[in-house]
Amino acid sequence: PAGVFGKDDPGGPSWVTVGGARFLNIYQ
């Protein structure tokens, strides 16, 4: 939404972190 980053912020698409995890990858 407009204004999230201050009064001059017009809004727009933003990347939002929705989660995370650990990984174990085996490479041959």
PDB file of all heavy atoms in Angstrom:
ATOM      1  N   PRO A   1       0.828  -1.208   0.000  1.00  0.00           N
ATOM      2  CA  PRO A   1       0.000   0.000   0.000  1.00  0.00           C
ATOM      3  C   PRO A   1       0.865   1.261   0.000  1.00  0.00           C
ATOM      4  O   PRO A   1       1.985   1.259   0.506  1.00  0.00           O
ATOM      5  CB  PRO A   1      -0.793  -0.098   1.310  1.00  0.00           C
ATOM      6  CG  PRO A   1      -0.624  -1.505   1.782  1.00  0.00           C
ATOM      7  CD  PRO A   1       0.639  -2.020   1.188  1.00  0.00           C
ATOM      8  N   ALA A   2       0.346   2.316  -0.554  1.00  0.00           N
ATOM      9  CA  ALA A   2       1.047   3.606  -0.561  1.00  0.00           C
ATOM     10  C   ALA A   2       1.290   4.054   0.881  1.00  0.00           C
ATOM     11  O   ALA A   2       0.486   3.805   1.777  1.00  0.00           O
ATOM     12  CB  ALA A   2       0.219   4.638  -1.313  1.00  0.00           C
ATOM     13  N   GLY A   3       2.452   4.679   1.096  1.00  0.00           N
ATOM     14  CA  GLY A   3       2.760   5.252   2.397  1.00  0.00           C
ATOM     15  C   GLY A   3       3.486   4.348   3.367  1.00  0.00           C
ATOM     16  O   GLY A   3       3.860   4.779   4.454  1.00  0.00           O
ATOM     17  N   VAL A   4       3.715   3.102   3.021  1.00  0.00           N
ATOM     18  CA  VAL A   4       4.406   2.180   3.927  1.00  0.00           C
ATOM     19  C   VAL A   4       5.806   2.689   4.261  1.00  0.00           C
ATOM     20  O   VAL A   4       6.258   2.605   5.396  1.00  0.00           O
ATOM     21  CB  VAL A   4       4.463   0.751   3.340  1.00  0.00           C
ATOM     22  CG1 VAL A   4       5.398  -0.149   4.145  1.00  0.00           C
ATOM     23  CG2 VAL A   4       3.079   0.147   3.274  1.00  0.00           C
ATOM     24  N   PHE A   5       6.509   3.225   3.261  1.00  0.00           N
ATOM     25  CA  PHE A   5       7.869   3.720   3.459  1.00  0.00           C
ATOM     26  C   PHE A   5       7.920   5.248   3.550  1.00  0.00           C
ATOM     27  O   PHE A   5       8.891   5.875   3.185  1.00  0.00           O
ATOM     28  CB  PHE A   5       8.800   3.223   2.352  1.00  0.00           C
ATOM     29  CG  PHE A   5       8.948   1.732   2.332  1.00  0.00           C
ATOM     30  CD1 PHE A   5       8.702   1.023   1.168  1.00  0.00           C
ATOM     31  CD2 PHE A   5       9.330   1.031   3.466  1.00  0.00           C
ATOM     32  CE1 PHE A   5       8.845  -0.359   1.138  1.00  0.00           C
ATOM     33  CE2 PHE A   5       9.468  -0.347   3.441  1.00  0.00           C
ATOM     34  CZ  PHE A   5       9.227  -1.045   2.282  1.00  0.00           C
ATOM     35  N   GLY A   6       6.866   5.854   4.007  1.00  0.00           N
ATOM     36  CA  GLY A   6       6.822   7.312   4.154  1.00  0.00           C
ATOM     37  C   GLY A   6       5.734   7.919   3.295  1.00  0.00           C
ATOM     38  O   GLY A   6       5.156   7.258   2.428  1.00  0.00           O
ATOM     39  N   LYS A   7       5.460   9.193   3.540  1.00  0.00           N
ATOM     40  CA  LYS A   7       4.332   9.843   2.869  1.00  0.00           C
ATOM     41  C   LYS A   7       4.500   9.945   1.353  1.00  0.00           C
ATOM     42  O   LYS A   7       3.526  10.041   0.629  1.00  0.00           O
ATOM     43  CB  LYS A   7       4.080  11.226   3.465  1.00  0.00           C
ATOM     44  CG  LYS A   7       5.207  12.201   3.245  1.00  0.00           C
ATOM     45  CD  LYS A   7       4.879  13.551   3.837  1.00  0.00           C
ATOM     46  CE  LYS A   7       6.050  14.476   3.536  1.00  0.00           C
ATOM     47  NZ  LYS A   7       5.665  15.825   3.408  1.00  0.00           N
ATOM     48  N   ASP A   8       5.747   9.903   0.872  1.00  0.00           N
ATOM     49  CA  ASP A   8       5.977   9.993  -0.571  1.00  0.00           C
ATOM     50  C   ASP A   8       6.033   8.625  -1.259  1.00  0.00           C
ATOM     51  O   ASP A   8       6.238   8.554  -2.471  1.00  0.00           O
ATOM     52  CB  ASP A   8       7.281  10.751  -0.847  1.00  0.00           C
ATOM     53  CG  ASP A   8       7.206  12.191  -0.380  1.00  0.00           C
ATOM     54  OD1 ASP A   8       6.094  12.767  -0.419  1.00  0.00           O
ATOM     55  OD2 ASP A   8       8.244  12.746   0.017  1.00  0.00           O
ATOM     56  N   ASP A   9       5.853   7.560  -0.504  1.00  0.00           N
ATOM     57  CA  ASP A   9       5.893   6.207  -1.067  1.00  0.00           C
ATOM     58  C   ASP A   9       4.606   5.945  -1.849  1.00  0.00           C
ATOM     59  O   ASP A   9       3.529   5.932  -1.269  1.00  0.00           O
ATOM     60  CB  ASP A   9       6.051   5.181   0.061  1.00  0.00           C
ATOM     61  CG  ASP A   9       5.993   3.748  -0.426  1.00  0.00           C
ATOM     62  OD1 ASP A   9       6.166   3.505  -1.636  1.00  0.00           O
ATOM     63  OD2 ASP A   9       5.779   2.857   0.418  1.00  0.00           O
ATOM     64  N   PRO A  10       4.722   5.726  -3.181  1.00  0.00           N
ATOM     65  CA  PRO A  10       3.518   5.508  -3.984  1.00  0.00           C
ATOM     66  C   PRO A  10       2.941   4.092  -3.860  1.00  0.00           C
ATOM     67  O   PRO A  10       1.884   3.795  -4.401  1.00  0.00           O
ATOM     68  CB  PRO A  10       4.009   5.758  -5.413  1.00  0.00           C
ATOM     69  CG  PRO A  10       5.451   5.364  -5.380  1.00  0.00           C
ATOM     70  CD  PRO A  10       5.931   5.731  -3.990  1.00  0.00           C
ATOM     71  N   GLY A  11       3.639   3.223  -3.155  1.00  0.00           N
ATOM     72  CA  GLY A  11       3.196   1.831  -3.086  1.00  0.00           C
ATOM     73  C   GLY A  11       3.730   1.051  -4.267  1.00  0.00           C
ATOM     74  O   GLY A  11       4.435   1.579  -5.114  1.00  0.00           O
ATOM     75  N   GLY A  12       3.398  -0.200  -4.332  1.00  0.00           N
ATOM     76  CA  GLY A  12       3.859  -1.033  -5.434  1.00  0.00           C
ATOM     77  C   GLY A  12       4.233  -2.414  -4.952  1.00  0.00           C
ATOM     78  O   GLY A  12       4.028  -2.761  -3.791  1.00  0.00           O
ATOM     79  N   PRO A  13       4.802  -3.225  -5.837  1.00  0.00           N
ATOM     80  CA  PRO A  13       5.167  -4.587  -5.436  1.00  0.00           C
ATOM     81  C   PRO A  13       6.378  -4.609  -4.507  1.00  0.00           C
ATOM     82  O   PRO A  13       7.306  -3.820  -4.671  1.00  0.00           O
ATOM     83  CB  PRO A  13       5.478  -5.277  -6.757  1.00  0.00           C
ATOM     84  CG  PRO A  13       5.836  -4.176  -7.692  1.00  0.00           C
ATOM     85  CD  PRO A  13       5.090  -2.966  -7.231  1.00  0.00           C
ATOM     86  N   SER A  14       6.352  -5.493  -3.520  1.00  0.00           N
ATOM     87  CA  SER A  14       7.463  -5.670  -2.580  1.00  0.00           C
ATOM     88  C   SER A  14       7.637  -7.147  -2.283  1.00  0.00           C
ATOM     89  O   SER A  14       6.659  -7.895  -2.201  1.00  0.00           O
ATOM     90  CB  SER A  14       7.184  -4.959  -1.244  1.00  0.00           C
ATOM     91  OG  SER A  14       7.179  -3.577  -1.390  1.00  0.00           O
ATOM     92  N   TRP A  15       8.898  -7.549  -2.122  1.00  0.00           N
ATOM     93  CA  TRP A  15       9.164  -8.917  -1.698  1.00  0.00           C
ATOM     94  C   TRP A  15       8.968  -8.989  -0.184  1.00  0.00           C
ATOM     95  O   TRP A  15       9.522  -8.190   0.552  1.00  0.00           O
ATOM     96  CB  TRP A  15      10.587  -9.328  -2.059  1.00  0.00           C
ATOM     97  CG  TRP A  15      10.760  -9.590  -3.518  1.00  0.00           C
ATOM     98  CD1 TRP A  15      11.366  -8.780  -4.430  1.00  0.00           C
ATOM     99  CD2 TRP A  15      10.310 -10.737  -4.240  1.00  0.00           C
ATOM    100  NE1 TRP A  15      11.323  -9.356  -5.677  1.00  0.00           N
ATOM    101  CE2 TRP A  15      10.679 -10.556  -5.591  1.00  0.00           C
ATOM    102  CE3 TRP A  15       9.626 -11.894  -3.882  1.00  0.00           C
ATOM    103  CZ2 TRP A  15      10.389 -11.500  -6.577  1.00  0.00           C
ATOM    104  CZ3 TRP A  15       9.342 -12.840  -4.866  1.00  0.00           C
ATOM    105  CH2 TRP A  15       9.714 -12.635  -6.191  1.00  0.00           C
ATOM    106  N   VAL A  16       8.171  -9.960   0.251  1.00  0.00           N
ATOM    107  CA  VAL A  16       7.854 -10.135   1.660  1.00  0.00           C
ATOM    108  C   VAL A  16       8.316 -11.528   2.087  1.00  0.00           C
ATOM    109  O   VAL A  16       7.974 -12.531   1.437  1.00  0.00           O
ATOM    110  CB  VAL A  16       6.333  -9.994   1.906  1.00  0.00           C
ATOM    111  CG1 VAL A  16       5.982 -10.261   3.358  1.00  0.00           C
ATOM    112  CG2 VAL A  16       5.845  -8.627   1.465  1.00  0.00           C
ATOM    113  N   THR A  17       9.096 -11.602   3.171  1.00  0.00           N
ATOM    114  CA  THR A  17       9.538 -12.900   3.681  1.00  0.00           C
ATOM    115  C   THR A  17       8.340 -13.601   4.311  1.00  0.00           C
ATOM    116  O   THR A  17       7.665 -13.050   5.178  1.00  0.00           O
ATOM    117  CB  THR A  17      10.663 -12.726   4.714  1.00  0.00           C
ATOM    118  OG1 THR A  17      11.769 -12.078   4.074  1.00  0.00           O
ATOM    119  CG2 THR A  17      11.112 -14.068   5.273  1.00  0.00           C
ATOM    120  N   VAL A  18       8.083 -14.831   3.860  1.00  0.00           N
ATOM    121  CA  VAL A  18       6.929 -15.582   4.354  1.00  0.00           C
ATOM    122  C   VAL A  18       7.331 -16.819   5.157  1.00  0.00           C
ATOM    123  O   VAL A  18       6.489 -17.507   5.716  1.00  0.00           O
ATOM    124  CB  VAL A  18       5.986 -15.991   3.195  1.00  0.00           C
ATOM    125  CG1 VAL A  18       5.372 -14.752   2.557  1.00  0.00           C
ATOM    126  CG2 VAL A  18       6.711 -16.837   2.163  1.00  0.00           C
ATOM    127  N   GLY A  19       8.619 -17.099   5.227  1.00  0.00           N
ATOM    128  CA  GLY A  19       9.072 -18.255   5.996  1.00  0.00           C
ATOM    129  C   GLY A  19      10.519 -18.577   5.692  1.00  0.00           C
ATOM    130  O   GLY A  19      11.201 -17.865   4.959  1.00  0.00           O
ATOM    131  N   GLY A  20      10.982 -19.664   6.292  1.00  0.00           N
ATOM    132  CA  GLY A  20      12.352 -20.100   6.077  1.00  0.00           C
ATOM    133  C   GLY A  20      12.532 -21.524   6.536  1.00  0.00           C
ATOM    134  O   GLY A  20      11.626 -22.127   7.133  1.00  0.00           O
ATOM    135  N   ALA A  21      13.702 -22.074   6.270  1.00  0.00           N
ATOM    136  CA  ALA A  21      13.975 -23.466   6.634  1.00  0.00           C
ATOM    137  C   ALA A  21      15.474 -23.727   6.557  1.00  0.00           C
ATOM    138  O   ALA A  21      16.240 -22.904   6.074  1.00  0.00           O
ATOM    139  CB  ALA A  21      13.236 -24.414   5.693  1.00  0.00           C
ATOM    140  N   ARG A  22      15.858 -24.897   7.044  1.00  0.00           N
ATOM    141  CA  ARG A  22      17.223 -25.387   6.868  1.00  0.00           C
ATOM    142  C   ARG A  22      17.207 -26.385   5.722  1.00  0.00           C
ATOM    143  O   ARG A  22      16.185 -27.005   5.446  1.00  0.00           O
ATOM    144  CB  ARG A  22      17.717 -26.095   8.137  1.00  0.00           C
ATOM    145  CG  ARG A  22      18.033 -25.149   9.257  1.00  0.00           C
ATOM    146  CD  ARG A  22      18.815 -25.760  10.397  1.00  0.00           C
ATOM    147  NE  ARG A  22      18.415 -27.091  10.795  1.00  0.00           N
ATOM    148  CZ  ARG A  22      19.250 -27.994  11.297  1.00  0.00           C
ATOM    149  NH1 ARG A  22      20.523 -27.721  11.443  1.00  0.00           N
ATOM    150  NH2 ARG A  22      18.823 -29.175  11.659  1.00  0.00           N
ATOM    151  N   PHE A  23      18.373 -26.562   5.095  1.00  0.00           N
ATOM    152  CA  PHE A  23      18.457 -27.556   4.022  1.00  0.00           C
ATOM    153  C   PHE A  23      19.744 -28.353   4.148  1.00  0.00           C
ATOM    154  O   PHE A  23      20.744 -27.890   4.682  1.00  0.00           O
ATOM    155  CB  PHE A  23      18.388 -26.891   2.635  1.00  0.00           C
ATOM    156  CG  PHE A  23      19.566 -26.000   2.324  1.00  0.00           C
ATOM    157  CD1 PHE A  23      20.730 -26.520   1.761  1.00  0.00           C
ATOM    158  CD2 PHE A  23      19.509 -24.645   2.596  1.00  0.00           C
ATOM    159  CE1 PHE A  23      21.818 -25.697   1.477  1.00  0.00           C
ATOM    160  CE2 PHE A  23      20.584 -23.817   2.313  1.00  0.00           C
ATOM    161  CZ  PHE A  23      21.740 -24.341   1.758  1.00  0.00           C
ATOM    162  N   LEU A  24      19.685 -29.564   3.647  1.00  0.00           N
ATOM    163  CA  LEU A  24      20.835 -30.455   3.504  1.00  0.00           C
ATOM    164  C   LEU A  24      20.764 -30.977   2.073  1.00  0.00           C
ATOM    165  O   LEU A  24      19.811 -31.670   1.714  1.00  0.00           O
ATOM    166  CB  LEU A  24      20.757 -31.626   4.484  1.00  0.00           C
ATOM    167  CG  LEU A  24      20.710 -31.234   5.953  1.00  0.00           C
ATOM    168  CD1 LEU A  24      19.843 -32.203   6.733  1.00  0.00           C
ATOM    169  CD2 LEU A  24      22.102 -31.211   6.512  1.00  0.00           C
ATOM    170  N   ASN A  25      21.737 -30.608   1.255  1.00  0.00           N
ATOM    171  CA  ASN A  25      21.755 -31.027  -0.142  1.00  0.00           C
ATOM    172  C   ASN A  25      22.983 -31.893  -0.401  1.00  0.00           C
ATOM    173  O   ASN A  25      24.100 -31.492  -0.083  1.00  0.00           O
ATOM    174  CB  ASN A  25      21.791 -29.814  -1.074  1.00  0.00           C
ATOM    175  CG  ASN A  25      20.535 -28.979  -0.982  1.00  0.00           C
ATOM    176  OD1 ASN A  25      19.472 -29.467  -0.636  1.00  0.00           O
ATOM    177  ND2 ASN A  25      20.652 -27.712  -1.295  1.00  0.00           N
ATOM    178  N   ILE A  26      22.762 -33.043  -0.974  1.00  0.00           N
ATOM    179  CA  ILE A  26      23.859 -33.937  -1.333  1.00  0.00           C
ATOM    180  C   ILE A  26      24.122 -33.782  -2.827  1.00  0.00           C
ATOM    181  O   ILE A  26      23.211 -33.927  -3.647  1.00  0.00           O
ATOM    182  CB  ILE A  26      23.525 -35.402  -0.997  1.00  0.00           C
ATOM    183  CG1 ILE A  26      23.347 -35.554   0.515  1.00  0.00           C
ATOM    184  CG2 ILE A  26      24.614 -36.337  -1.525  1.00  0.00           C
ATOM    185  CD1 ILE A  26      22.843 -36.906   0.957  1.00  0.00           C
ATOM    186  N   TYR A  27      25.371 -33.443  -3.148  1.00  0.00           N
ATOM    187  CA  TYR A  27      25.796 -33.297  -4.534  1.00  0.00           C
ATOM    188  C   TYR A  27      26.742 -34.434  -4.886  1.00  0.00           C
ATOM    189  O   TYR A  27      27.693 -34.694  -4.162  1.00  0.00           O
ATOM    190  CB  TYR A  27      26.526 -31.969  -4.749  1.00  0.00           C
ATOM    191  CG  TYR A  27      25.621 -30.770  -4.776  1.00  0.00           C
ATOM    192  CD1 TYR A  27      25.248 -30.131  -3.609  1.00  0.00           C
ATOM    193  CD2 TYR A  27      25.137 -30.283  -5.987  1.00  0.00           C
ATOM    194  CE1 TYR A  27      24.417 -29.025  -3.637  1.00  0.00           C
ATOM    195  CE2 TYR A  27      24.313 -29.177  -6.024  1.00  0.00           C
ATOM    196  CZ  TYR A  27      23.951 -28.550  -4.843  1.00  0.00           C
ATOM    197  OH  TYR A  27      23.129 -27.458  -4.865  1.00  0.00           O
ATOM    198  N   GLN A  28      26.485 -35.068  -6.009  1.00  0.00           N
ATOM    199  CA  GLN A  28      27.348 -36.141  -6.505  1.00  0.00           C
ATOM    200  C   GLN A  28      28.284 -35.571  -7.569  1.00  0.00           C
ATOM    201  O   GLN A  28      27.859 -34.811  -8.443  1.00  0.00           O
ATOM    202  CB  GLN A  28      26.500 -37.261  -7.109  1.00  0.00           C
ATOM    203  CG  GLN A  28      27.310 -38.425  -7.610  1.00  0.00           C
ATOM    204  CD  GLN A  28      26.424 -39.531  -8.167  1.00  0.00           C
ATOM    205  OE1 GLN A  28      25.217 -39.557  -7.975  1.00  0.00           O
ATOM    206  NE2 GLN A  28      27.045 -40.454  -8.875  1.00  0.00           N
TER     207      GLN A  28
END
